[in-house]
Amino acid sequence: MATQNEFNTLTISAGADLSAAQYKAVVVAGTIAANSTAIGLLQNKPAASGRSATVGYSGIMKAYAGAAITANSRLAVTTSGWIITATSADISGGFSVGKALVAAASGDLFTGVFDFVK
């Protein structure tokens, strides 16, 4: 079971209908992230462009796995806002966004310690 604990948030304007994107990575423009430009994980479900989107940018949060992840793996953002295991290039390039606290299969909601502010 995925859980959340203390985390920091900010509010941005949704750039699209994000009602199906809760716990996925987003960019400052309020759309789903496709790479390392993510600012955090969406915490609510804004159903239209212009609505308030609450984004968690650091702390213990839920996220959706885009591939199998092992516990304690470094994490990165991939297409469609999914979180995956970071590659050595992600890590050396400063694109790691956190660590997995639990193992997850592709598509699972899991818990990690995230820090999108670097």
C-alpha atoms as a PDB file:
ATOM      1  CA  MET A   1       0.000   0.000   0.000  1.00  0.00           C
ATOM      2  CA  ALA A   2       1.375   3.386  -0.989  1.00  0.00           C
ATOM      3  CA  THR A   3       1.461   6.023   1.738  1.00  0.00           C
ATOM      4  CA  GLN A   4       2.395   9.673   2.077  1.00  0.00           C
ATOM      5  CA  ASN A   5       3.951  11.556   4.945  1.00  0.00           C
ATOM      6  CA  GLU A   6       5.144  15.129   5.320  1.00  0.00           C
ATOM      7  CA  PHE A   7       5.809  16.891   2.042  1.00  0.00           C
ATOM      8  CA  ASN A   8       6.040  20.429   0.671  1.00  0.00           C
ATOM      9  CA  THR A   9       3.617  21.746  -1.934  1.00  0.00           C
ATOM     10  CA  LEU A  10       3.062  24.654  -4.253  1.00  0.00           C
ATOM     11  CA  THR A  11       0.040  25.589  -6.335  1.00  0.00           C
ATOM     12  CA  ILE A  12       0.153  26.251 -10.076  1.00  0.00           C
ATOM     13  CA  SER A  13      -2.503  26.701 -12.740  1.00  0.00           C
ATOM     14  CA  ALA A  14      -3.355  23.492 -14.583  1.00  0.00           C
ATOM     15  CA  GLY A  15      -2.500  23.778 -18.259  1.00  0.00           C
ATOM     16  CA  ALA A  16      -4.907  20.990 -19.210  1.00  0.00           C
ATOM     17  CA  ASP A  17      -7.446  18.572 -17.748  1.00  0.00           C
ATOM     18  CA  LEU A  18      -5.295  16.660 -15.219  1.00  0.00           C
ATOM     19  CA  SER A  19      -8.117  14.703 -13.593  1.00  0.00           C
ATOM     20  CA  ALA A  20      -6.440  11.404 -14.584  1.00  0.00           C
ATOM     21  CA  ALA A  21      -2.891  12.489 -13.650  1.00  0.00           C
ATOM     22  CA  GLN A  22      -2.895  12.491  -9.837  1.00  0.00           C
ATOM     23  CA  TYR A  23       0.512  11.306  -8.474  1.00  0.00           C
ATOM     24  CA  LYS A  24       2.234  11.819 -11.838  1.00  0.00           C
ATOM     25  CA  ALA A  25       5.033  14.309 -12.513  1.00  0.00           C
ATOM     26  CA  VAL A  26       4.122  17.722 -13.907  1.00  0.00           C
ATOM     27  CA  VAL A  27       5.956  20.764 -15.272  1.00  0.00           C
ATOM     28  CA  VAL A  28       5.579  24.424 -14.296  1.00  0.00           C
ATOM     29  CA  ALA A  29       3.221  24.991 -17.255  1.00  0.00           C
ATOM     30  CA  GLY A  30       0.712  22.712 -15.507  1.00  0.00           C
ATOM     31  CA  THR A  31       0.945  19.786 -17.900  1.00  0.00           C
ATOM     32  CA  ILE A  32       2.249  16.240 -17.549  1.00  0.00           C
ATOM     33  CA  ALA A  33       6.043  16.010 -17.510  1.00  0.00           C
ATOM     34  CA  ALA A  34       7.924  14.014 -20.118  1.00  0.00           C
ATOM     35  CA  ASN A  35      11.451  14.326 -18.737  1.00  0.00           C
ATOM     36  CA  SER A  36      13.717  16.013 -16.216  1.00  0.00           C
ATOM     37  CA  THR A  37      11.877  19.366 -16.358  1.00  0.00           C
ATOM     38  CA  ALA A  38       9.303  18.139 -13.813  1.00  0.00           C
ATOM     39  CA  ILE A  39       8.714  20.367 -10.793  1.00  0.00           C
ATOM     40  CA  GLY A  40       6.911  17.755  -8.684  1.00  0.00           C
ATOM     41  CA  LEU A  41       4.090  15.260  -8.325  1.00  0.00           C
ATOM     42  CA  LEU A  42       0.463  16.282  -8.816  1.00  0.00           C
ATOM     43  CA  GLN A  43      -1.502  15.838  -5.576  1.00  0.00           C
ATOM     44  CA  ASN A  44      -5.037  16.651  -6.716  1.00  0.00           C
ATOM     45  CA  LYS A  45      -7.212  16.163  -9.819  1.00  0.00           C
ATOM     46  CA  PRO A  46      -7.851  19.508 -11.550  1.00  0.00           C
ATOM     47  CA  ALA A  47     -10.469  18.739 -14.200  1.00  0.00           C
ATOM     48  CA  ALA A  48      -9.857  21.705 -16.509  1.00  0.00           C
ATOM     49  CA  SER A  49      -7.201  24.125 -17.658  1.00  0.00           C
ATOM     50  CA  GLY A  50      -6.878  27.091 -15.311  1.00  0.00           C
ATOM     51  CA  ARG A  51      -7.874  25.215 -12.161  1.00  0.00           C
ATOM     52  CA  SER A  52      -5.522  25.011  -9.179  1.00  0.00           C
ATOM     53  CA  ALA A  53      -3.042  22.151  -9.313  1.00  0.00           C
ATOM     54  CA  THR A  54      -1.364  21.210  -6.038  1.00  0.00           C
ATOM     55  CA  VAL A  55       2.152  19.917  -6.661  1.00  0.00           C
ATOM     56  CA  GLY A  56       4.331  18.150  -4.105  1.00  0.00           C
ATOM     57  CA  TYR A  57       7.976  19.042  -4.710  1.00  0.00           C
ATOM     58  CA  SER A  58       9.782  17.438  -1.761  1.00  0.00           C
ATOM     59  CA  GLY A  59       9.024  14.843   0.879  1.00  0.00           C
ATOM     60  CA  ILE A  60       7.493  11.394   1.171  1.00  0.00           C
ATOM     61  CA  MET A  61       4.893  11.044  -1.574  1.00  0.00           C
ATOM     62  CA  LYS A  62       3.012   8.621  -3.796  1.00  0.00           C
ATOM     63  CA  ALA A  63       3.902   8.214  -7.478  1.00  0.00           C
ATOM     64  CA  TYR A  64       3.089   5.897 -10.371  1.00  0.00           C
ATOM     65  CA  ALA A  65       5.819   3.525 -11.551  1.00  0.00           C
ATOM     66  CA  GLY A  66       6.448   3.492 -15.302  1.00  0.00           C
ATOM     67  CA  ALA A  67       8.480   0.264 -15.024  1.00  0.00           C
ATOM     68  CA  ALA A  68       9.502  -2.156 -12.299  1.00  0.00           C
ATOM     69  CA  ILE A  69      11.326  -0.385  -9.460  1.00  0.00           C
ATOM     70  CA  THR A  70      13.300  -1.964  -6.622  1.00  0.00           C
ATOM     71  CA  ALA A  71      13.295  -0.522  -3.122  1.00  0.00           C
ATOM     72  CA  ASN A  72      16.062   2.036  -2.502  1.00  0.00           C
ATOM     73  CA  SER A  73      16.516   2.731  -6.244  1.00  0.00           C
ATOM     74  CA  ARG A  74      17.247   6.268  -7.385  1.00  0.00           C
ATOM     75  CA  LEU A  75      14.315   7.628  -9.413  1.00  0.00           C
ATOM     76  CA  ALA A  76      13.771   9.734 -12.539  1.00  0.00           C
ATOM     77  CA  VAL A  77      10.834  11.021 -14.609  1.00  0.00           C
ATOM     78  CA  THR A  78       9.924   9.452 -17.949  1.00  0.00           C
ATOM     79  CA  THR A  79       7.199  10.067 -20.527  1.00  0.00           C
ATOM     80  CA  SER A  80       3.631  10.771 -19.437  1.00  0.00           C
ATOM     81  CA  GLY A  81       4.720  11.707 -15.909  1.00  0.00           C
ATOM     82  CA  TRP A  82       5.660   8.169 -14.850  1.00  0.00           C
ATOM     83  CA  ILE A  83       8.524   7.543 -12.426  1.00  0.00           C
ATOM     84  CA  ILE A  84      11.222   4.994 -13.315  1.00  0.00           C
ATOM     85  CA  THR A  85      14.566   3.798 -11.986  1.00  0.00           C
ATOM     86  CA  ALA A  86      17.187   6.440 -12.753  1.00  0.00           C
ATOM     87  CA  THR A  87      19.967   5.532 -15.157  1.00  0.00           C
ATOM     88  CA  SER A  88      23.612   6.324 -14.429  1.00  0.00           C
ATOM     89  CA  ALA A  89      23.256   9.211 -16.926  1.00  0.00           C
ATOM     90  CA  ASP A  90      20.236  10.544 -14.992  1.00  0.00           C
ATOM     91  CA  ILE A  91      22.208  10.398 -11.753  1.00  0.00           C
ATOM     92  CA  SER A  92      25.421  11.944 -13.112  1.00  0.00           C
ATOM     93  CA  GLY A  93      23.388  14.614 -14.940  1.00  0.00           C
ATOM     94  CA  GLY A  94      21.553  15.607 -11.751  1.00  0.00           C
ATOM     95  CA  PHE A  95      18.179  14.347 -13.005  1.00  0.00           C
ATOM     96  CA  SER A  96      17.431  11.939 -10.160  1.00  0.00           C
ATOM     97  CA  VAL A  97      14.279  13.048  -8.308  1.00  0.00           C
ATOM     98  CA  GLY A  98      14.346  10.730  -5.307  1.00  0.00           C
ATOM     99  CA  LYS A  99      14.537   7.187  -3.929  1.00  0.00           C
ATOM    100  CA  ALA A 100      11.972   4.411  -3.805  1.00  0.00           C
ATOM    101  CA  LEU A 101      10.994   3.351  -0.285  1.00  0.00           C
ATOM    102  CA  VAL A 102       9.313   0.185  -1.565  1.00  0.00           C
ATOM    103  CA  ALA A 103       9.463  -2.036  -4.638  1.00  0.00           C
ATOM    104  CA  ALA A 104       6.864  -1.476  -7.360  1.00  0.00           C
ATOM    105  CA  ALA A 105       5.740  -3.166 -10.562  1.00  0.00           C
ATOM    106  CA  SER A 106       5.007  -1.156 -13.685  1.00  0.00           C
ATOM    107  CA  GLY A 107       1.764   0.780 -13.188  1.00  0.00           C
ATOM    108  CA  ASP A 108       1.829   0.477  -9.386  1.00  0.00           C
ATOM    109  CA  LEU A 109       1.248   3.390  -7.050  1.00  0.00           C
ATOM    110  CA  PHE A 110       4.280   3.375  -4.735  1.00  0.00           C
ATOM    111  CA  THR A 111       5.945   5.477  -2.033  1.00  0.00           C
ATOM    112  CA  GLY A 112       9.213   7.347  -2.434  1.00  0.00           C
ATOM    113  CA  VAL A 113      11.248  10.146  -0.928  1.00  0.00           C
ATOM    114  CA  PHE A 114      11.314  12.886  -3.558  1.00  0.00           C
ATOM    115  CA  ASP A 115      13.181  16.154  -4.058  1.00  0.00           C
ATOM    116  CA  PHE A 116      12.465  17.948  -7.327  1.00  0.00           C
ATOM    117  CA  VAL A 117      14.322  21.083  -6.160  1.00  0.00           C
ATOM    118  CA  LYS A 118      18.016  20.885  -6.929  1.00  0.00           C
END
